[in-house]
Amino acid sequence: MAEESKELVVMITHGIDHELSSVGFTIANGGITAGLKVAIFLTSAGVDLVRRKATDTTHVEPLEPLTALMRDFVARGGALYACTPCVKARGYEQADFVEGVTIAGASVIHERFKRGAASLSF
């Protein structure tokens, strides 16, 4: 019998203008609480979320403010990735992002999938 994976990949494609960004981070934090190793992969408008000060005014009630959700995720050991082509398409550089973000290609999540990680998309 195959061993059950303890990993979760959350893909977020929405920016600050959509409640699904906050939902994705809330569920990712819940995964950490449940004992999962969680990675968030930001694509498309999702990479806009991790620009410095981008989420300072985003708060979808009754969830925590998005800045707090992101900070909590990284502080609790979550891996936070921004899609390389999406970053380049927007002209962003590492210095544009909050601490804890790694610019990476899809191979970082493919490795998790090969180990049996579950995935959710928002």
PDB file of N, CA and C in Angstrom:
ATOM      1  N   MET A   1       0.837  -1.181   0.000  1.00  0.00           N
ATOM      2  CA  MET A   1       0.000   0.000   0.000  1.00  0.00           C
ATOM      3  C   MET A   1       0.881   1.243   0.000  1.00  0.00           C
ATOM      4  N   ALA A   2       0.556   2.221  -0.843  1.00  0.00           N
ATOM      5  CA  ALA A   2       1.337   3.448  -0.943  1.00  0.00           C
ATOM      6  C   ALA A   2       1.163   4.299   0.310  1.00  0.00           C
ATOM      7  N   GLU A   3       2.261   4.954   0.691  1.00  0.00           N
ATOM      8  CA  GLU A   3       2.209   5.843   1.841  1.00  0.00           C
ATOM      9  C   GLU A   3       1.452   7.112   1.476  1.00  0.00           C
ATOM     10  N   GLU A   4       0.602   7.570   2.373  1.00  0.00           N
ATOM     11  CA  GLU A   4      -0.194   8.769   2.129  1.00  0.00           C
ATOM     12  C   GLU A   4       0.680  10.013   2.202  1.00  0.00           C
ATOM     13  N   SER A   5       0.512  10.920   1.240  1.00  0.00           N
ATOM     14  CA  SER A   5       1.303  12.139   1.202  1.00  0.00           C
ATOM     15  C   SER A   5       0.881  13.087   2.325  1.00  0.00           C
ATOM     16  N   LYS A   6       1.852  13.811   2.814  1.00  0.00           N
ATOM     17  CA  LYS A   6       1.602  14.816   3.851  1.00  0.00           C
ATOM     18  C   LYS A   6       1.880  16.213   3.308  1.00  0.00           C
ATOM     19  N   GLU A   7       1.773  16.348   1.966  1.00  0.00           N
ATOM     20  CA  GLU A   7       2.055  17.629   1.339  1.00  0.00           C
ATOM     21  C   GLU A   7       0.823  18.171   0.624  1.00  0.00           C
ATOM     22  N   LEU A   8       0.760  19.508   0.590  1.00  0.00           N
ATOM     23  CA  LEU A   8      -0.311  20.196  -0.107  1.00  0.00           C
ATOM     24  C   LEU A   8       0.289  21.339  -0.913  1.00  0.00           C
ATOM     25  N   VAL A   9      -0.122  21.444  -2.164  1.00  0.00           N
ATOM     26  CA  VAL A   9       0.249  22.576  -3.006  1.00  0.00           C
ATOM     27  C   VAL A   9      -1.013  23.388  -3.249  1.00  0.00           C
ATOM     28  N   VAL A  10      -0.949  24.675  -2.932  1.00  0.00           N
ATOM     29  CA  VAL A  10      -2.062  25.594  -3.189  1.00  0.00           C
ATOM     30  C   VAL A  10      -1.618  26.537  -4.296  1.00  0.00           C
ATOM     31  N   MET A  11      -2.357  26.514  -5.382  1.00  0.00           N
ATOM     32  CA  MET A  11      -2.062  27.401  -6.505  1.00  0.00           C
ATOM     33  C   MET A  11      -3.023  28.584  -6.427  1.00  0.00           C
ATOM     34  N   ILE A  12      -2.469  29.786  -6.468  1.00  0.00           N
ATOM     35  CA  ILE A  12      -3.295  30.996  -6.416  1.00  0.00           C
ATOM     36  C   ILE A  12      -3.018  31.810  -7.671  1.00  0.00           C
ATOM     37  N   THR A  13      -4.089  32.063  -8.425  1.00  0.00           N
ATOM     38  CA  THR A  13      -3.958  32.813  -9.682  1.00  0.00           C
ATOM     39  C   THR A  13      -4.611  34.192  -9.612  1.00  0.00           C
ATOM     40  N   HIS A  14      -5.291  34.484  -8.521  1.00  0.00           N
ATOM     41  CA  HIS A  14      -5.998  35.758  -8.387  1.00  0.00           C
ATOM     42  C   HIS A  14      -5.172  36.762  -7.588  1.00  0.00           C
ATOM     43  N   GLY A  15      -5.405  38.031  -7.846  1.00  0.00           N
ATOM     44  CA  GLY A  15      -4.696  39.103  -7.153  1.00  0.00           C
ATOM     45  C   GLY A  15      -5.509  39.659  -5.995  1.00  0.00           C
ATOM     46  N   ILE A  16      -5.159  40.873  -5.584  1.00  0.00           N
ATOM     47  CA  ILE A  16      -5.790  41.493  -4.425  1.00  0.00           C
ATOM     48  C   ILE A  16      -7.245  41.858  -4.673  1.00  0.00           C
ATOM     49  N   ASP A  17      -7.660  41.856  -5.926  1.00  0.00           N
ATOM     50  CA  ASP A  17      -9.024  42.248  -6.265  1.00  0.00           C
ATOM     51  C   ASP A  17     -10.024  41.104  -6.158  1.00  0.00           C
ATOM     52  N   HIS A  18      -9.597  39.945  -5.653  1.00  0.00           N
ATOM     53  CA  HIS A  18     -10.497  38.800  -5.597  1.00  0.00           C
ATOM     54  C   HIS A  18     -10.388  38.102  -4.248  1.00  0.00           C
ATOM     55  N   GLU A  19     -11.524  37.749  -3.682  1.00  0.00           N
ATOM     56  CA  GLU A  19     -11.547  37.100  -2.367  1.00  0.00           C
ATOM     57  C   GLU A  19     -10.849  35.744  -2.351  1.00  0.00           C
ATOM     58  N   LEU A  20     -10.723  35.087  -3.508  1.00  0.00           N
ATOM     59  CA  LEU A  20     -10.086  33.771  -3.538  1.00  0.00           C
ATOM     60  C   LEU A  20      -8.618  33.816  -3.117  1.00  0.00           C
ATOM     61  N   SER A  21      -7.976  34.952  -3.218  1.00  0.00           N
ATOM     62  CA  SER A  21      -6.597  35.070  -2.735  1.00  0.00           C
ATOM     63  C   SER A  21      -6.547  34.861  -1.230  1.00  0.00           C
ATOM     64  N   SER A  22      -7.451  35.509  -0.517  1.00  0.00           N
ATOM     65  CA  SER A  22      -7.518  35.348   0.935  1.00  0.00           C
ATOM     66  C   SER A  22      -7.944  33.938   1.317  1.00  0.00           C
ATOM     67  N   VAL A  23      -8.873  33.374   0.571  1.00  0.00           N
ATOM     68  CA  VAL A  23      -9.322  32.001   0.834  1.00  0.00           C
ATOM     69  C   VAL A  23      -8.164  31.029   0.655  1.00  0.00           C
ATOM     70  N   GLY A  24      -7.387  31.192  -0.409  1.00  0.00           N
ATOM     71  CA  GLY A  24      -6.254  30.309  -0.653  1.00  0.00           C
ATOM     72  C   GLY A  24      -5.243  30.328   0.480  1.00  0.00           C
ATOM     73  N   PHE A  25      -4.899  31.519   0.959  1.00  0.00           N
ATOM     74  CA  PHE A  25      -3.952  31.618   2.071  1.00  0.00           C
ATOM     75  C   PHE A  25      -4.550  31.076   3.363  1.00  0.00           C
ATOM     76  N   THR A  26      -5.840  31.269   3.581  1.00  0.00           N
ATOM     77  CA  THR A  26      -6.493  30.731   4.776  1.00  0.00           C
ATOM     78  C   THR A  26      -6.433  29.207   4.771  1.00  0.00           C
ATOM     79  N   ILE A  27      -6.726  28.601   3.637  1.00  0.00           N
ATOM     80  CA  ILE A  27      -6.701  27.135   3.539  1.00  0.00           C
ATOM     81  C   ILE A  27      -5.267  26.615   3.649  1.00  0.00           C
ATOM     82  N   ALA A  28      -4.321  27.332   3.077  1.00  0.00           N
ATOM     83  CA  ALA A  28      -2.921  26.930   3.198  1.00  0.00           C
ATOM     84  C   ALA A  28      -2.473  26.945   4.659  1.00  0.00           C
ATOM     85  N   ASN A  29      -2.849  27.996   5.395  1.00  0.00           N
ATOM     86  CA  ASN A  29      -2.512  28.053   6.814  1.00  0.00           C
ATOM     87  C   ASN A  29      -3.193  26.928   7.588  1.00  0.00           C
ATOM     88  N   GLY A  30      -4.424  26.608   7.203  1.00  0.00           N
ATOM     89  CA  GLY A  30      -5.119  25.488   7.838  1.00  0.00           C
ATOM     90  C   GLY A  30      -4.409  24.175   7.583  1.00  0.00           C
ATOM     91  N   GLY A  31      -3.830  24.027   6.393  1.00  0.00           N
ATOM     92  CA  GLY A  31      -3.057  22.830   6.091  1.00  0.00           C
ATOM     93  C   GLY A  31      -1.852  22.682   7.003  1.00  0.00           C
ATOM     94  N   ILE A  32      -1.177  23.788   7.264  1.00  0.00           N
ATOM     95  CA  ILE A  32      -0.038  23.754   8.188  1.00  0.00           C
ATOM     96  C   ILE A  32      -0.519  23.346   9.574  1.00  0.00           C
ATOM     97  N   THR A  33      -1.637  23.925  10.008  1.00  0.00           N
ATOM     98  CA  THR A  33      -2.205  23.572  11.313  1.00  0.00           C
ATOM     99  C   THR A  33      -2.521  22.084  11.389  1.00  0.00           C
ATOM    100  N   ALA A  34      -2.957  21.514  10.264  1.00  0.00           N
ATOM    101  CA  ALA A  34      -3.307  20.090  10.217  1.00  0.00           C
ATOM    102  C   ALA A  34      -2.077  19.187  10.099  1.00  0.00           C
ATOM    103  N   GLY A  35      -0.891  19.790  10.048  1.00  0.00           N
ATOM    104  CA  GLY A  35       0.325  19.001  10.001  1.00  0.00           C
ATOM    105  C   GLY A  35       0.865  18.715   8.617  1.00  0.00           C
ATOM    106  N   LEU A  36       0.323  19.390   7.608  1.00  0.00           N
ATOM    107  CA  LEU A  36       0.807  19.201   6.249  1.00  0.00           C
ATOM    108  C   LEU A  36       1.994  20.120   5.957  1.00  0.00           C
ATOM    109  N   LYS A  37       2.838  19.684   5.048  1.00  0.00           N
ATOM    110  CA  LYS A  37       3.898  20.531   4.512  1.00  0.00           C
ATOM    111  C   LYS A  37       3.254  21.246   3.328  1.00  0.00           C
ATOM    112  N   VAL A  38       3.138  22.577   3.394  1.00  0.00           N
ATOM    113  CA  VAL A  38       2.358  23.319   2.405  1.00  0.00           C
ATOM    114  C   VAL A  38       3.244  24.270   1.600  1.00  0.00           C
ATOM    115  N   ALA A  39       2.999  24.269   0.296  1.00  0.00           N
ATOM    116  CA  ALA A  39       3.646  25.215  -0.610  1.00  0.00           C
ATOM    117  C   ALA A  39       2.547  25.967  -1.356  1.00  0.00           C
ATOM    118  N   ILE A  40       2.728  27.264  -1.499  1.00  0.00           N
ATOM    119  CA  ILE A  40       1.837  28.073  -2.332  1.00  0.00           C
ATOM    120  C   ILE A  40       2.618  28.454  -3.575  1.00  0.00           C
ATOM    121  N   PHE A  41       1.993  28.240  -4.736  1.00  0.00           N
ATOM    122  CA  PHE A  41       2.589  28.625  -6.012  1.00  0.00           C
ATOM    123  C   PHE A  41       1.703  29.695  -6.624  1.00  0.00           C
ATOM    124  N   LEU A  42       2.252  30.888  -6.765  1.00  0.00           N
ATOM    125  CA  LEU A  42       1.519  32.034  -7.294  1.00  0.00           C
ATOM    126  C   LEU A  42       1.778  32.174  -8.786  1.00  0.00           C
ATOM    127  N   THR A  43       0.695  32.210  -9.563  1.00  0.00           N
ATOM    128  CA  THR A  43       0.812  32.396 -11.003  1.00  0.00           C
ATOM    129  C   THR A  43      -0.097  33.537 -11.435  1.00  0.00           C
ATOM    130  N   SER A  44       0.085  33.995 -12.666  1.00  0.00           N
ATOM    131  CA  SER A  44      -0.743  35.066 -13.235  1.00  0.00           C
ATOM    132  C   SER A  44      -0.819  36.232 -12.257  1.00  0.00           C
ATOM    133  N   ALA A  45      -2.010  36.752 -12.011  1.00  0.00           N
ATOM    134  CA  ALA A  45      -2.171  37.901 -11.110  1.00  0.00           C
ATOM    135  C   ALA A  45      -1.800  37.572  -9.670  1.00  0.00           C
ATOM    136  N   GLY A  46      -1.681  36.294  -9.358  1.00  0.00           N
ATOM    137  CA  GLY A  46      -1.288  35.889  -8.011  1.00  0.00           C
ATOM    138  C   GLY A  46       0.069  36.430  -7.597  1.00  0.00           C
ATOM    139  N   VAL A  47       0.985  36.616  -8.557  1.00  0.00           N
ATOM    140  CA  VAL A  47       2.305  37.137  -8.189  1.00  0.00           C
ATOM    141  C   VAL A  47       2.233  38.581  -7.708  1.00  0.00           C
ATOM    142  N   ASP A  48       1.164  39.289  -8.073  1.00  0.00           N
ATOM    143  CA  ASP A  48       1.003  40.664  -7.596  1.00  0.00           C
ATOM    144  C   ASP A  48       0.806  40.721  -6.081  1.00  0.00           C
ATOM    145  N   LEU A  49       0.308  39.650  -5.495  1.00  0.00           N
ATOM    146  CA  LEU A  49       0.035  39.618  -4.064  1.00  0.00           C
ATOM    147  C   LEU A  49       1.275  39.842  -3.215  1.00  0.00           C
ATOM    148  N   VAL A  50       2.413  39.352  -3.679  1.00  0.00           N
ATOM    149  CA  VAL A  50       3.602  39.370  -2.837  1.00  0.00           C
ATOM    150  C   VAL A  50       4.515  40.571  -3.075  1.00  0.00           C
ATOM    151  N   ARG A  51       4.032  41.541  -3.852  1.00  0.00           N
ATOM    152  CA  ARG A  51       4.786  42.788  -3.962  1.00  0.00           C
ATOM    153  C   ARG A  51       4.712  43.513  -2.620  1.00  0.00           C
ATOM    154  N   ARG A  52       5.775  44.171  -2.261  1.00  0.00           N
ATOM    155  CA  ARG A  52       5.798  44.917  -0.991  1.00  0.00           C
ATOM    156  C   ARG A  52       4.611  45.883  -0.925  1.00  0.00           C
ATOM    157  N   LYS A  53       3.899  45.851   0.179  1.00  0.00           N
ATOM    158  CA  LYS A  53       2.753  46.725   0.489  1.00  0.00           C
ATOM    159  C   LYS A  53       1.511  46.488  -0.376  1.00  0.00           C
ATOM    160  N   ALA A  54       1.528  45.508  -1.266  1.00  0.00           N
ATOM    161  CA  ALA A  54       0.402  45.284  -2.179  1.00  0.00           C
ATOM    162  C   ALA A  54      -0.874  44.875  -1.453  1.00  0.00           C
ATOM    163  N   THR A  55      -0.743  44.137  -0.370  1.00  0.00           N
ATOM    164  CA  THR A  55      -1.933  43.616   0.309  1.00  0.00           C
ATOM    165  C   THR A  55      -2.287  44.377   1.583  1.00  0.00           C
ATOM    166  N   ASP A  56      -1.633  45.487   1.827  1.00  0.00           N
ATOM    167  CA  ASP A  56      -1.840  46.212   3.082  1.00  0.00           C
ATOM    168  C   ASP A  56      -3.296  46.600   3.338  1.00  0.00           C
ATOM    169  N   THR A  57      -4.075  46.804   2.297  1.00  0.00           N
ATOM    170  CA  THR A  57      -5.466  47.229   2.492  1.00  0.00           C
ATOM    171  C   THR A  57      -6.485  46.138   2.137  1.00  0.00           C
ATOM    172  N   THR A  58      -6.016  44.918   1.893  1.00  0.00           N
ATOM    173  CA  THR A  58      -6.925  43.841   1.499  1.00  0.00           C
ATOM    174  C   THR A  58      -7.377  43.055   2.717  1.00  0.00           C
ATOM    175  N   HIS A  59      -8.682  43.083   2.967  1.00  0.00           N
ATOM    176  CA  HIS A  59      -9.254  42.366   4.097  1.00  0.00           C
ATOM    177  C   HIS A  59     -10.644  41.889   3.716  1.00  0.00           C
ATOM    178  N   VAL A  60     -10.765  40.582   3.566  1.00  0.00           N
ATOM    179  CA  VAL A  60     -12.050  39.967   3.234  1.00  0.00           C
ATOM    180  C   VAL A  60     -12.645  39.422   4.530  1.00  0.00           C
ATOM    181  N   GLU A  61     -13.659  40.073   5.050  1.00  0.00           N
ATOM    182  CA  GLU A  61     -14.329  39.614   6.271  1.00  0.00           C
ATOM    183  C   GLU A  61     -15.015  38.282   6.006  1.00  0.00           C
ATOM    184  N   PRO A  62     -15.038  37.366   6.906  1.00  0.00           N
ATOM    185  CA  PRO A  62     -14.518  37.397   8.267  1.00  0.00           C
ATOM    186  C   PRO A  62     -13.095  36.863   8.376  1.00  0.00           C
ATOM    187  N   LEU A  63     -12.393  36.707   7.259  1.00  0.00           N
ATOM    188  CA  LEU A  63     -11.024  36.193   7.277  1.00  0.00           C
ATOM    189  C   LEU A  63     -10.065  37.234   7.841  1.00  0.00           C
ATOM    190  N   GLU A  64      -8.877  36.796   8.185  1.00  0.00           N
ATOM    191  CA  GLU A  64      -7.831  37.707   8.640  1.00  0.00           C
ATOM    192  C   GLU A  64      -7.402  38.588   7.464  1.00  0.00           C
ATOM    193  N   PRO A  65      -6.812  39.753   7.729  1.00  0.00           N
ATOM    194  CA  PRO A  65      -6.277  40.575   6.637  1.00  0.00           C
ATOM    195  C   PRO A  65      -5.256  39.767   5.824  1.00  0.00           C
ATOM    196  N   LEU A  66      -5.224  39.981   4.526  1.00  0.00           N
ATOM    197  CA  LEU A  66      -4.357  39.195   3.651  1.00  0.00           C
ATOM    198  C   LEU A  66      -2.888  39.324   4.031  1.00  0.00           C
ATOM    199  N   THR A  67      -2.445  40.503   4.413  1.00  0.00           N
ATOM    200  CA  THR A  67      -1.046  40.676   4.824  1.00  0.00           C
ATOM    201  C   THR A  67      -0.724  39.774   6.013  1.00  0.00           C
ATOM    202  N   ALA A  68      -1.640  39.686   6.970  1.00  0.00           N
ATOM    203  CA  ALA A  68      -1.423  38.835   8.140  1.00  0.00           C
ATOM    204  C   ALA A  68      -1.425  37.355   7.752  1.00  0.00           C
ATOM    205  N   LEU A  69      -2.309  36.972   6.837  1.00  0.00           N
ATOM    206  CA  LEU A  69      -2.354  35.577   6.385  1.00  0.00           C
ATOM    207  C   LEU A  69      -1.041  35.184   5.712  1.00  0.00           C
ATOM    208  N   MET A  70      -0.520  36.060   4.875  1.00  0.00           N
ATOM    209  CA  MET A  70       0.740  35.774   4.182  1.00  0.00           C
ATOM    210  C   MET A  70       1.902  35.718   5.165  1.00  0.00           C
ATOM    211  N   ARG A  71       1.964  36.658   6.055  1.00  0.00           N
ATOM    212  CA  ARG A  71       3.048  36.699   7.051  1.00  0.00           C
ATOM    213  C   ARG A  71       3.017  35.444   7.921  1.00  0.00           C
ATOM    214  N   ASP A  72       1.821  35.040   8.344  1.00  0.00           N
ATOM    215  CA  ASP A  72       1.657  33.846   9.168  1.00  0.00           C
ATOM    216  C   ASP A  72       2.104  32.600   8.411  1.00  0.00           C
ATOM    217  N   PHE A  73       1.736  32.511   7.138  1.00  0.00           N
ATOM    218  CA  PHE A  73       2.093  31.354   6.329  1.00  0.00           C
ATOM    219  C   PHE A  73       3.606  31.167   6.271  1.00  0.00           C
ATOM    220  N   VAL A  74       4.327  32.226   5.987  1.00  0.00           N
ATOM    221  CA  VAL A  74       5.784  32.152   5.880  1.00  0.00           C
ATOM    222  C   VAL A  74       6.404  31.878   7.256  1.00  0.00           C
ATOM    223  N   ALA A  75       5.915  32.556   8.293  1.00  0.00           N
ATOM    224  CA  ALA A  75       6.459  32.385   9.640  1.00  0.00           C
ATOM    225  C   ALA A  75       6.292  30.955  10.153  1.00  0.00           C
ATOM    226  N   ARG A  76       5.249  30.277   9.697  1.00  0.00           N
ATOM    227  CA  ARG A  76       4.977  28.909  10.148  1.00  0.00           C
ATOM    228  C   ARG A  76       5.639  27.857   9.264  1.00  0.00           C
ATOM    229  N   GLY A  77       6.493  28.297   8.352  1.00  0.00           N
ATOM    230  CA  GLY A  77       7.264  27.351   7.560  1.00  0.00           C
ATOM    231  C   GLY A  77       6.700  27.021   6.197  1.00  0.00           C
ATOM    232  N   GLY A  78       5.661  27.724   5.763  1.00  0.00           N
ATOM    233  CA  GLY A  78       5.118  27.496   4.427  1.00  0.00           C
ATOM    234  C   GLY A  78       6.091  27.974   3.361  1.00  0.00           C
ATOM    235  N   ALA A  79       6.123  27.263   2.249  1.00  0.00           N
ATOM    236  CA  ALA A  79       6.981  27.655   1.123  1.00  0.00           C
ATOM    237  C   ALA A  79       6.154  28.500   0.154  1.00  0.00           C
ATOM    238  N   LEU A  80       6.666  29.652  -0.199  1.00  0.00           N
ATOM    239  CA  LEU A  80       5.932  30.605  -1.025  1.00  0.00           C
ATOM    240  C   LEU A  80       6.717  30.880  -2.312  1.00  0.00           C
ATOM    241  N   TYR A  81       6.134  30.467  -3.446  1.00  0.00           N
ATOM    242  CA  TYR A  81       6.801  30.581  -4.742  1.00  0.00           C
ATOM    243  C   TYR A  81       6.024  31.497  -5.673  1.00  0.00           C
ATOM    244  N   ALA A  82       6.765  32.288  -6.443  1.00  0.00           N
ATOM    245  CA  ALA A  82       6.182  33.129  -7.494  1.00  0.00           C
ATOM    246  C   ALA A  82       6.715  32.624  -8.832  1.00  0.00           C
ATOM    247  N   CYS A  83       5.805  32.350  -9.748  1.00  0.00           N
ATOM    248  CA  CYS A  83       6.111  31.798 -11.071  1.00  0.00           C
ATOM    249  C   CYS A  83       7.086  32.699 -11.838  1.00  0.00           C
ATOM    250  N   THR A  84       8.205  32.113 -12.249  1.00  0.00           N
ATOM    251  CA  THR A  84       9.238  32.878 -12.955  1.00  0.00           C
ATOM    252  C   THR A  84       8.716  33.617 -14.190  1.00  0.00           C
ATOM    253  N   PRO A  85       8.038  32.939 -15.133  1.00  0.00           N
ATOM    254  CA  PRO A  85       7.561  33.680 -16.312  1.00  0.00           C
ATOM    255  C   PRO A  85       6.558  34.782 -15.960  1.00  0.00           C
ATOM    256  N   CYS A  86       5.733  34.554 -14.947  1.00  0.00           N
ATOM    257  CA  CYS A  86       4.743  35.556 -14.539  1.00  0.00           C
ATOM    258  C   CYS A  86       5.431  36.779 -13.938  1.00  0.00           C
ATOM    259  N   VAL A  87       6.477  36.538 -13.165  1.00  0.00           N
ATOM    260  CA  VAL A  87       7.260  37.622 -12.571  1.00  0.00           C
ATOM    261  C   VAL A  87       7.931  38.435 -13.671  1.00  0.00           C
ATOM    262  N   LYS A  88       8.576  37.740 -14.605  1.00  0.00           N
ATOM    263  CA  LYS A  88       9.272  38.424 -15.700  1.00  0.00           C
ATOM    264  C   LYS A  88       8.310  39.213 -16.570  1.00  0.00           C
ATOM    265  N   ALA A  89       7.133  38.662 -16.841  1.00  0.00           N
ATOM    266  CA  ALA A  89       6.151  39.340 -17.690  1.00  0.00           C
ATOM    267  C   ALA A  89       5.710  40.670 -17.097  1.00  0.00           C
ATOM    268  N   ARG A  90       5.761  40.776 -15.773  1.00  0.00           N
ATOM    269  CA  ARG A  90       5.345  41.997 -15.092  1.00  0.00           C
ATOM    270  C   ARG A  90       6.516  42.927 -14.791  1.00  0.00           C
ATOM    271  N   GLY A  91       7.728  42.506 -15.128  1.00  0.00           N
ATOM    272  CA  GLY A  91       8.900  43.342 -14.882  1.00  0.00           C
ATOM    273  C   GLY A  91       9.322  43.390 -13.426  1.00  0.00           C
ATOM    274  N   TYR A  92       8.900  42.422 -12.622  1.00  0.00           N
ATOM    275  CA  TYR A  92       9.263  42.388 -11.208  1.00  0.00           C
ATOM    276  C   TYR A  92      10.626  41.726 -11.024  1.00  0.00           C
ATOM    277  N   GLU A  93      11.237  42.034  -9.895  1.00  0.00           N
ATOM    278  CA  GLU A  93      12.489  41.422  -9.469  1.00  0.00           C
ATOM    279  C   GLU A  93      12.337  40.991  -8.018  1.00  0.00           C
ATOM    280  N   GLN A  94      13.267  40.201  -7.537  1.00  0.00           N
ATOM    281  CA  GLN A  94      13.206  39.696  -6.161  1.00  0.00           C
ATOM    282  C   GLN A  94      13.021  40.835  -5.155  1.00  0.00           C
ATOM    283  N   ALA A  95      13.693  41.955  -5.372  1.00  0.00           N
ATOM    284  CA  ALA A  95      13.617  43.092  -4.444  1.00  0.00           C
ATOM    285  C   ALA A  95      12.210  43.680  -4.343  1.00  0.00           C
ATOM    286  N   ASP A  96      11.346  43.402  -5.306  1.00  0.00           N
ATOM    287  CA  ASP A  96       9.978  43.920  -5.287  1.00  0.00           C
ATOM    288  C   ASP A  96       9.076  43.158  -4.323  1.00  0.00           C
ATOM    289  N   PHE A  97       9.525  41.989  -3.865  1.00  0.00           N
ATOM    290  CA  PHE A  97       8.659  41.092  -3.105  1.00  0.00           C
ATOM    291  C   PHE A  97       8.916  41.118  -1.608  1.00  0.00           C
ATOM    292  N   VAL A  98       7.881  40.717  -0.866  1.00  0.00           N
ATOM    293  CA  VAL A  98       8.011  40.587   0.584  1.00  0.00           C
ATOM    294  C   VAL A  98       8.994  39.464   0.898  1.00  0.00           C
ATOM    295  N   GLU A  99       9.478  39.473   2.107  1.00  0.00           N
ATOM    296  CA  GLU A  99      10.418  38.444   2.536  1.00  0.00           C
ATOM    297  C   GLU A  99       9.749  37.067   2.544  1.00  0.00           C
ATOM    298  N   GLY A 100      10.494  36.072   2.118  1.00  0.00           N
ATOM    299  CA  GLY A 100       9.987  34.709   2.134  1.00  0.00           C
ATOM    300  C   GLY A 100       9.543  34.180   0.791  1.00  0.00           C
ATOM    301  N   VAL A 101       9.543  35.029  -0.237  1.00  0.00           N
ATOM    302  CA  VAL A 101       9.115  34.619  -1.577  1.00  0.00           C
ATOM    303  C   VAL A 101      10.321  34.117  -2.363  1.00  0.00           C
ATOM    304  N   THR A 102      10.137  32.983  -3.038  1.00  0.00           N
ATOM    305  CA  THR A 102      11.155  32.452  -3.935  1.00  0.00           C
ATOM    306  C   THR A 102      10.593  32.490  -5.350  1.00  0.00           C
ATOM    307  N   ILE A 103      11.335  33.082  -6.259  1.00  0.00           N
ATOM    308  CA  ILE A 103      10.941  33.066  -7.669  1.00  0.00           C
ATOM    309  C   ILE A 103      11.391  31.724  -8.226  1.00  0.00           C
ATOM    310  N   ALA A 104      10.446  30.964  -8.778  1.00  0.00           N
ATOM    311  CA  ALA A 104      10.776  29.612  -9.248  1.00  0.00           C
ATOM    312  C   ALA A 104       9.828  29.172 -10.347  1.00  0.00           C
ATOM    313  N   GLY A 105      10.300  28.253 -11.153  1.00  0.00           N
ATOM    314  CA  GLY A 105       9.477  27.661 -12.188  1.00  0.00           C
ATOM    315  C   GLY A 105       8.607  26.545 -11.621  1.00  0.00           C
ATOM    316  N   ALA A 106       7.768  26.007 -12.472  1.00  0.00           N
ATOM    317  CA  ALA A 106       6.807  24.989 -12.055  1.00  0.00           C
ATOM    318  C   ALA A 106       7.449  23.709 -11.549  1.00  0.00           C
ATOM    319  N   SER A 107       8.716  23.495 -11.820  1.00  0.00           N
ATOM    320  CA  SER A 107       9.364  22.259 -11.366  1.00  0.00           C
ATOM    321  C   SER A 107       9.316  22.100  -9.845  1.00  0.00           C
ATOM    322  N   VAL A 108       9.258  23.230  -9.102  1.00  0.00           N
ATOM    323  CA  VAL A 108       9.204  23.115  -7.637  1.00  0.00           C
ATOM    324  C   VAL A 108       7.905  22.455  -7.168  1.00  0.00           C
ATOM    325  N   ILE A 109       6.825  22.661  -7.917  1.00  0.00           N
ATOM    326  CA  ILE A 109       5.583  21.989  -7.521  1.00  0.00           C
ATOM    327  C   ILE A 109       5.472  20.615  -8.153  1.00  0.00           C
ATOM    328  N   HIS A 110       6.068  20.453  -9.324  1.00  0.00           N
ATOM    329  CA  HIS A 110       6.049  19.128  -9.955  1.00  0.00           C
ATOM    330  C   HIS A 110       6.735  18.098  -9.076  1.00  0.00           C
ATOM    331  N   GLU A 111       7.819  18.496  -8.418  1.00  0.00           N
ATOM    332  CA  GLU A 111       8.511  17.573  -7.508  1.00  0.00           C
ATOM    333  C   GLU A 111       7.583  17.133  -6.380  1.00  0.00           C
ATOM    334  N   ARG A 112       6.794  18.049  -5.864  1.00  0.00           N
ATOM    335  CA  ARG A 112       5.846  17.705  -4.802  1.00  0.00           C
ATOM    336  C   ARG A 112       4.756  16.773  -5.331  1.00  0.00           C
ATOM    337  N   PHE A 113       4.276  17.044  -6.537  1.00  0.00           N
ATOM    338  CA  PHE A 113       3.249  16.181  -7.138  1.00  0.00           C
ATOM    339  C   PHE A 113       3.780  14.764  -7.335  1.00  0.00           C
ATOM    340  N   LYS A 114       5.034  14.659  -7.750  1.00  0.00           N
ATOM    341  CA  LYS A 114       5.625  13.325  -7.955  1.00  0.00           C
ATOM    342  C   LYS A 114       5.715  12.542  -6.648  1.00  0.00           C
ATOM    343  N   ARG A 115       5.795  13.264  -5.526  1.00  0.00           N
ATOM    344  CA  ARG A 115       5.812  12.617  -4.208  1.00  0.00           C
ATOM    345  C   ARG A 115       4.399  12.343  -3.691  1.00  0.00           C
ATOM    346  N   GLY A 116       3.381  12.768  -4.465  1.00  0.00           N
ATOM    347  CA  GLY A 116       2.003  12.497  -4.079  1.00  0.00           C
ATOM    348  C   GLY A 116       1.257  13.634  -3.435  1.00  0.00           C
ATOM    349  N   ALA A 117       1.789  14.844  -3.524  1.00  0.00           N
ATOM    350  CA  ALA A 117       1.125  15.996  -2.904  1.00  0.00           C
ATOM    351  C   ALA A 117      -0.270  16.203  -3.483  1.00  0.00           C
ATOM    352  N   ALA A 118      -1.176  16.607  -2.615  1.00  0.00           N
ATOM    353  CA  ALA A 118      -2.506  17.023  -3.031  1.00  0.00           C
ATOM    354  C   ALA A 118      -2.415  18.463  -3.538  1.00  0.00           C
ATOM    355  N   SER A 119      -3.397  18.892  -4.338  1.00  0.00           N
ATOM    356  CA  SER A 119      -3.364  20.266  -4.826  1.00  0.00           C
ATOM    357  C   SER A 119      -4.751  20.888  -4.778  1.00  0.00           C
ATOM    358  N   LEU A 120      -4.748  22.188  -4.583  1.00  0.00           N
ATOM    359  CA  LEU A 120      -5.958  23.015  -4.619  1.00  0.00           C
ATOM    360  C   LEU A 120      -5.637  24.251  -5.426  1.00  0.00           C
ATOM    361  N   SER A 121      -6.608  24.762  -6.158  1.00  0.00           N
ATOM    362  CA  SER A 121      -6.381  25.971  -6.951  1.00  0.00           C
ATOM    363  C   SER A 121      -7.411  27.033  -6.615  1.00  0.00           C
ATOM    364  N   PHE A 122      -6.919  28.267  -6.523  1.00  0.00           N
ATOM    365  CA  PHE A 122      -7.780  29.403  -6.241  1.00  0.00           C
ATOM    366  C   PHE A 122      -7.460  30.541  -7.181  1.00  0.00           C
TER     367      PHE A 122
END
